[in-house]
Every structure is written in C-alpha cells, then in structure tokens.
Amino acid sequence: MRSPTEHTLNYLKKMQFPAQVVEQWNQWAKRRKDLWGADILSRQGMKLVAIQSTSGSHHADHVKGAIENPDVENWLVCGVAFEIWSWSKMGKAGKRKLWTPRVTQLVITDTGKIRPM
C-alpha cells in the first residue's frame, strides 16, 4: 500500500509538476520532521506550493493542525501556497474504487489569521 506522500508525488508527476519531499526522518526520535509543516514542495506553473499529505480519515485533523501551526505562516507570508492533500478510495457503489485526492488550500486573512479557502 502506498503512503499519502507517494500518492501525492505520483499525482504531481502525472500532472508534470516538479516536486520534492522536504520532510526528514529522525532516526533517534523515530519520528518524521516536516519543513514548516510541509511534506512536499512543488512548483505548479509560476506558483510554489507547500503540501501536507495525509490519509482521508485525517484530513480535518491536519487542516486544524496546520491552522494552529505558527510555522505555516512562514509559507503564506512569503507568497507560497499551503495545501493539505488527503487520499481516499472513492467511487460509485459496485464500481472500482480509485485513490482520489481532497485538497484544502490555506490562506492568510487581512487580520493575520490562517483559514481554509
């Protein structure tokens, strides 16, 4: 089974958007460390996008966590888009289920608050 990060990288490659994983594995803590809340950086046209990738069942948790993460503001203030991508198998009843992304983009408001777009 592929990880959400693998699904995202494959999708971006299919769309011909260059992408690079920016999270690191800390072997001593046995944990992954994101770069300012992002797992992947991708150039989509003239736009740079920081992506947090997760499973479909954790989408809302990651949106909430990103909104509360002060590091995410670093991306948004610098003009980099920040998105949460989650992956779930979806399809009509009785039909083949396909891995489908759900994407939520975060924006910074005039008052400095981060919210979903």
N, C-alpha and C. Protein backbone atom coordinates (compact mmCIF):
# COMPACT_ATOMS: atom_id res chain seq x y z
N MET A 1 0.84 -1.18 0.00
CA MET A 1 0.00 0.00 0.00
C MET A 1 0.89 1.25 0.00
N ARG A 2 0.54 2.20 -0.83
CA ARG A 2 1.31 3.43 -0.93
C ARG A 2 0.96 4.39 0.19
N SER A 3 1.93 5.19 0.57
CA SER A 3 1.69 6.22 1.57
C SER A 3 1.03 7.43 0.90
N PRO A 4 0.38 8.29 1.69
CA PRO A 4 -0.18 9.51 1.11
C PRO A 4 0.86 10.36 0.39
N THR A 5 2.09 10.39 0.90
CA THR A 5 3.15 11.15 0.24
C THR A 5 3.45 10.56 -1.13
N GLU A 6 3.50 9.23 -1.23
CA GLU A 6 3.73 8.58 -2.52
C GLU A 6 2.60 8.88 -3.51
N HIS A 7 1.36 8.82 -3.02
CA HIS A 7 0.21 9.15 -3.89
C HIS A 7 0.34 10.58 -4.42
N THR A 8 0.70 11.52 -3.54
CA THR A 8 0.82 12.92 -3.93
C THR A 8 1.94 13.10 -4.94
N LEU A 9 3.10 12.50 -4.70
CA LEU A 9 4.22 12.61 -5.63
C LEU A 9 3.88 12.03 -7.00
N ASN A 10 3.20 10.88 -7.02
CA ASN A 10 2.81 10.27 -8.29
C ASN A 10 1.83 11.15 -9.05
N TYR A 11 0.88 11.74 -8.33
CA TYR A 11 -0.11 12.62 -8.95
C TYR A 11 0.57 13.86 -9.53
N LEU A 12 1.47 14.47 -8.77
CA LEU A 12 2.17 15.66 -9.24
C LEU A 12 3.04 15.33 -10.46
N LYS A 13 3.68 14.17 -10.45
CA LYS A 13 4.49 13.74 -11.59
C LYS A 13 3.61 13.57 -12.84
N LYS A 14 2.45 12.96 -12.65
CA LYS A 14 1.50 12.77 -13.75
C LYS A 14 1.05 14.11 -14.33
N MET A 15 0.90 15.12 -13.46
CA MET A 15 0.50 16.46 -13.90
C MET A 15 1.70 17.28 -14.40
N GLN A 16 2.89 16.68 -14.37
CA GLN A 16 4.14 17.30 -14.82
C GLN A 16 4.53 18.52 -13.97
N PHE A 17 4.24 18.43 -12.67
CA PHE A 17 4.66 19.45 -11.72
C PHE A 17 5.87 18.90 -10.95
N PRO A 18 7.04 19.55 -11.03
CA PRO A 18 8.18 19.07 -10.26
C PRO A 18 7.89 19.15 -8.76
N ALA A 19 8.34 18.14 -8.04
CA ALA A 19 8.08 18.08 -6.60
C ALA A 19 9.25 17.43 -5.88
N GLN A 20 9.41 17.78 -4.61
CA GLN A 20 10.48 17.22 -3.79
C GLN A 20 9.98 17.04 -2.36
N VAL A 21 10.30 15.89 -1.77
CA VAL A 21 9.96 15.64 -0.36
C VAL A 21 10.88 16.49 0.50
N VAL A 22 10.31 17.20 1.48
CA VAL A 22 11.09 18.07 2.36
C VAL A 22 11.00 17.67 3.83
N GLU A 23 10.29 16.58 4.12
CA GLU A 23 10.29 16.09 5.50
C GLU A 23 11.49 15.16 5.67
N GLN A 24 11.95 15.04 6.90
CA GLN A 24 13.11 14.20 7.19
C GLN A 24 12.77 13.21 8.29
N TRP A 25 13.45 12.06 8.24
CA TRP A 25 13.30 11.04 9.26
C TRP A 25 14.38 11.25 10.32
N ASN A 26 13.95 11.38 11.58
CA ASN A 26 14.87 11.49 12.70
C ASN A 26 15.02 10.10 13.29
N GLN A 27 16.16 9.46 13.02
CA GLN A 27 16.34 8.07 13.43
C GLN A 27 16.40 7.88 14.94
N TRP A 28 16.84 8.90 15.67
CA TRP A 28 16.94 8.76 17.13
C TRP A 28 15.58 8.92 17.80
N ALA A 29 14.79 9.87 17.32
CA ALA A 29 13.46 10.08 17.90
C ALA A 29 12.43 9.15 17.27
N LYS A 30 12.79 8.50 16.15
CA LYS A 30 11.88 7.61 15.40
C LYS A 30 10.63 8.37 14.96
N ARG A 31 10.86 9.61 14.46
CA ARG A 31 9.75 10.47 14.02
C ARG A 31 10.13 11.19 12.74
N ARG A 32 9.10 11.59 11.99
CA ARG A 32 9.31 12.42 10.81
C ARG A 32 9.22 13.88 11.23
N LYS A 33 10.06 14.71 10.63
CA LYS A 33 10.08 16.15 10.92
C LYS A 33 9.78 16.89 9.63
N ASP A 34 8.66 17.62 9.64
CA ASP A 34 8.25 18.40 8.48
C ASP A 34 9.05 19.69 8.39
N LEU A 35 9.12 20.25 7.19
CA LEU A 35 9.72 21.56 7.00
C LEU A 35 8.60 22.59 7.10
N TRP A 36 8.51 23.29 8.22
CA TRP A 36 7.46 24.29 8.48
C TRP A 36 6.07 23.72 8.19
N GLY A 37 5.83 22.50 8.58
CA GLY A 37 4.52 21.88 8.42
C GLY A 37 4.29 21.20 7.09
N ALA A 38 5.27 21.22 6.18
CA ALA A 38 5.09 20.65 4.84
C ALA A 38 5.87 19.35 4.67
N ASP A 39 5.28 18.45 3.87
CA ASP A 39 5.95 17.20 3.49
C ASP A 39 6.62 17.32 2.13
N ILE A 40 6.01 18.13 1.25
CA ILE A 40 6.42 18.21 -0.15
C ILE A 40 6.41 19.66 -0.60
N LEU A 41 7.37 20.03 -1.45
CA LEU A 41 7.33 21.31 -2.16
C LEU A 41 7.16 21.00 -3.64
N SER A 42 6.28 21.76 -4.30
CA SER A 42 6.02 21.56 -5.71
C SER A 42 5.89 22.90 -6.42
N ARG A 43 6.43 22.95 -7.64
CA ARG A 43 6.23 24.13 -8.47
C ARG A 43 5.11 23.81 -9.45
N GLN A 44 4.05 24.60 -9.36
CA GLN A 44 2.89 24.41 -10.24
C GLN A 44 2.73 25.67 -11.07
N GLY A 45 3.28 25.64 -12.27
CA GLY A 45 3.31 26.84 -13.09
C GLY A 45 4.26 27.84 -12.46
N MET A 46 3.76 29.04 -12.22
CA MET A 46 4.57 30.10 -11.60
C MET A 46 4.36 30.16 -10.09
N LYS A 47 3.77 29.12 -9.53
CA LYS A 47 3.43 29.11 -8.10
C LYS A 47 4.20 28.01 -7.38
N LEU A 48 4.72 28.33 -6.20
CA LEU A 48 5.35 27.33 -5.34
C LEU A 48 4.32 26.91 -4.30
N VAL A 49 4.17 25.60 -4.11
CA VAL A 49 3.16 25.07 -3.20
C VAL A 49 3.82 24.16 -2.18
N ALA A 50 3.55 24.41 -0.90
CA ALA A 50 3.96 23.53 0.20
C ALA A 50 2.76 22.63 0.49
N ILE A 51 3.01 21.32 0.55
CA ILE A 51 1.91 20.36 0.69
C ILE A 51 2.11 19.49 1.93
N GLN A 52 1.07 19.36 2.72
CA GLN A 52 0.99 18.40 3.82
C GLN A 52 0.12 17.26 3.30
N SER A 53 0.64 16.05 3.31
CA SER A 53 -0.06 14.91 2.73
C SER A 53 -0.50 13.96 3.84
N THR A 54 -1.74 13.44 3.72
CA THR A 54 -2.28 12.58 4.77
C THR A 54 -3.33 11.63 4.19
N SER A 55 -3.84 10.75 5.03
CA SER A 55 -4.93 9.86 4.63
C SER A 55 -6.26 10.61 4.75
N GLY A 56 -7.26 10.12 4.04
CA GLY A 56 -8.57 10.77 4.03
C GLY A 56 -9.19 10.92 5.41
N SER A 57 -8.99 9.94 6.26
CA SER A 57 -9.61 9.98 7.58
C SER A 57 -8.97 11.02 8.51
N HIS A 58 -7.81 11.53 8.15
CA HIS A 58 -7.13 12.51 8.99
C HIS A 58 -7.10 13.91 8.38
N HIS A 59 -7.87 14.14 7.31
CA HIS A 59 -7.84 15.43 6.63
C HIS A 59 -8.18 16.58 7.58
N ALA A 60 -9.29 16.49 8.26
CA ALA A 60 -9.72 17.57 9.15
C ALA A 60 -8.70 17.83 10.26
N ASP A 61 -8.11 16.77 10.80
CA ASP A 61 -7.09 16.92 11.84
C ASP A 61 -5.88 17.70 11.33
N HIS A 62 -5.48 17.41 10.08
CA HIS A 62 -4.31 18.09 9.52
C HIS A 62 -4.62 19.54 9.16
N VAL A 63 -5.84 19.81 8.71
CA VAL A 63 -6.23 21.20 8.45
C VAL A 63 -6.16 21.99 9.75
N LYS A 64 -6.77 21.44 10.80
CA LYS A 64 -6.76 22.10 12.11
C LYS A 64 -5.33 22.29 12.62
N GLY A 65 -4.51 21.25 12.50
CA GLY A 65 -3.13 21.33 12.96
C GLY A 65 -2.31 22.37 12.20
N ALA A 66 -2.53 22.45 10.89
CA ALA A 66 -1.81 23.43 10.08
C ALA A 66 -2.22 24.85 10.43
N ILE A 67 -3.52 25.06 10.68
CA ILE A 67 -4.01 26.38 11.06
C ILE A 67 -3.38 26.82 12.39
N GLU A 68 -3.19 25.87 13.29
CA GLU A 68 -2.63 26.16 14.62
C GLU A 68 -1.10 26.19 14.63
N ASN A 69 -0.46 25.75 13.53
CA ASN A 69 0.99 25.68 13.47
C ASN A 69 1.56 27.04 13.07
N PRO A 70 2.28 27.71 13.96
CA PRO A 70 2.82 29.04 13.61
C PRO A 70 3.82 29.00 12.46
N ASP A 71 4.43 27.84 12.20
CA ASP A 71 5.38 27.73 11.10
C ASP A 71 4.72 27.86 9.73
N VAL A 72 3.46 27.47 9.61
CA VAL A 72 2.75 27.55 8.33
C VAL A 72 2.65 28.99 7.86
N GLU A 73 2.59 29.92 8.80
CA GLU A 73 2.53 31.34 8.45
C GLU A 73 3.76 31.75 7.63
N ASN A 74 4.92 31.11 7.87
CA ASN A 74 6.13 31.42 7.11
C ASN A 74 5.91 31.24 5.61
N TRP A 75 5.24 30.16 5.23
CA TRP A 75 4.95 29.92 3.82
C TRP A 75 4.04 31.01 3.25
N LEU A 76 2.95 31.24 3.96
CA LEU A 76 1.91 32.13 3.45
C LEU A 76 2.39 33.58 3.34
N VAL A 77 3.14 34.04 4.31
CA VAL A 77 3.66 35.41 4.29
C VAL A 77 4.63 35.61 3.12
N CYS A 78 5.34 34.57 2.75
CA CYS A 78 6.31 34.65 1.65
C CYS A 78 5.66 34.41 0.28
N GLY A 79 4.35 34.24 0.25
CA GLY A 79 3.65 34.06 -1.02
C GLY A 79 3.61 32.63 -1.52
N VAL A 80 4.00 31.68 -0.68
CA VAL A 80 3.95 30.26 -1.05
C VAL A 80 2.58 29.71 -0.64
N ALA A 81 1.92 29.04 -1.57
CA ALA A 81 0.63 28.42 -1.24
C ALA A 81 0.86 27.25 -0.29
N PHE A 82 -0.09 27.01 0.62
CA PHE A 82 -0.01 25.86 1.53
C PHE A 82 -1.29 25.06 1.38
N GLU A 83 -1.14 23.76 1.08
CA GLU A 83 -2.30 22.89 0.86
C GLU A 83 -2.18 21.61 1.66
N ILE A 84 -3.33 21.09 2.07
CA ILE A 84 -3.42 19.77 2.69
C ILE A 84 -4.06 18.86 1.66
N TRP A 85 -3.36 17.77 1.33
CA TRP A 85 -3.87 16.78 0.38
C TRP A 85 -4.12 15.49 1.16
N SER A 86 -5.33 14.97 1.05
CA SER A 86 -5.62 13.68 1.67
C SER A 86 -6.10 12.72 0.59
N TRP A 87 -5.86 11.45 0.82
CA TRP A 87 -6.16 10.41 -0.17
C TRP A 87 -7.11 9.37 0.40
N SER A 88 -8.18 9.10 -0.38
CA SER A 88 -9.17 8.08 -0.02
C SER A 88 -9.57 7.33 -1.28
N LYS A 89 -9.94 6.08 -1.11
CA LYS A 89 -10.50 5.33 -2.23
C LYS A 89 -11.96 5.74 -2.37
N MET A 90 -12.33 6.18 -3.59
CA MET A 90 -13.69 6.65 -3.82
C MET A 90 -14.22 6.09 -5.13
N GLY A 91 -15.53 5.99 -5.22
CA GLY A 91 -16.17 5.52 -6.44
C GLY A 91 -17.59 5.11 -6.16
N LYS A 92 -18.36 4.95 -7.22
CA LYS A 92 -19.76 4.56 -7.09
C LYS A 92 -19.88 3.15 -6.54
N ALA A 93 -21.01 2.89 -5.90
CA ALA A 93 -21.28 1.57 -5.33
C ALA A 93 -21.23 0.52 -6.43
N GLY A 94 -20.53 -0.57 -6.17
CA GLY A 94 -20.42 -1.65 -7.13
C GLY A 94 -19.38 -1.42 -8.21
N LYS A 95 -18.77 -0.27 -8.23
CA LYS A 95 -17.74 0.05 -9.22
C LYS A 95 -16.35 0.03 -8.57
N ARG A 96 -15.34 0.02 -9.41
CA ARG A 96 -13.96 0.03 -8.94
C ARG A 96 -13.67 1.35 -8.20
N LYS A 97 -13.04 1.23 -7.04
CA LYS A 97 -12.68 2.40 -6.24
C LYS A 97 -11.28 2.87 -6.64
N LEU A 98 -11.12 4.18 -6.79
CA LEU A 98 -9.84 4.77 -7.17
C LEU A 98 -9.36 5.73 -6.10
N TRP A 99 -8.03 5.80 -5.94
CA TRP A 99 -7.46 6.74 -4.99
C TRP A 99 -7.71 8.15 -5.51
N THR A 100 -8.36 8.96 -4.69
CA THR A 100 -8.78 10.31 -5.09
C THR A 100 -8.29 11.33 -4.06
N PRO A 101 -7.69 12.45 -4.54
CA PRO A 101 -7.22 13.46 -3.60
C PRO A 101 -8.32 14.43 -3.20
N ARG A 102 -8.24 14.89 -1.99
CA ARG A 102 -9.05 16.01 -1.49
C ARG A 102 -8.04 17.09 -1.12
N VAL A 103 -8.21 18.28 -1.65
CA VAL A 103 -7.23 19.35 -1.45
C VAL A 103 -7.89 20.54 -0.77
N THR A 104 -7.29 21.01 0.31
CA THR A 104 -7.73 22.22 1.00
C THR A 104 -6.56 23.19 1.03
N GLN A 105 -6.77 24.38 0.48
CA GLN A 105 -5.72 25.41 0.50
C GLN A 105 -5.95 26.34 1.68
N LEU A 106 -4.87 26.70 2.35
CA LEU A 106 -4.95 27.65 3.46
C LEU A 106 -4.52 29.02 2.96
N VAL A 107 -5.16 30.05 3.50
CA VAL A 107 -4.81 31.43 3.17
C VAL A 107 -4.67 32.23 4.45
N ILE A 108 -4.00 33.35 4.34
CA ILE A 108 -3.86 34.25 5.49
C ILE A 108 -4.77 35.45 5.23
N THR A 109 -5.57 35.80 6.23
CA THR A 109 -6.53 36.89 6.07
C THR A 109 -5.88 38.23 6.35
N ASP A 110 -6.63 39.30 6.10
CA ASP A 110 -6.14 40.66 6.38
C ASP A 110 -5.82 40.85 7.86
N THR A 111 -6.50 40.09 8.71
CA THR A 111 -6.27 40.20 10.16
C THR A 111 -5.12 39.31 10.63
N GLY A 112 -4.50 38.58 9.70
CA GLY A 112 -3.36 37.73 10.05
C GLY A 112 -3.73 36.34 10.49
N LYS A 113 -5.00 35.98 10.40
CA LYS A 113 -5.44 34.63 10.79
C LYS A 113 -5.30 33.69 9.58
N ILE A 114 -5.00 32.43 9.85
CA ILE A 114 -4.94 31.43 8.79
C ILE A 114 -6.26 30.68 8.78
N ARG A 115 -6.81 30.49 7.56
CA ARG A 115 -8.09 29.79 7.44
C ARG A 115 -8.11 29.01 6.13
N PRO A 116 -8.99 28.00 6.04
CA PRO A 116 -9.16 27.28 4.77
C PRO A 116 -9.82 28.19 3.74
N MET A 117 -9.43 28.00 2.50
CA MET A 117 -10.02 28.79 1.41
C MET A 117 -11.31 28.16 0.95
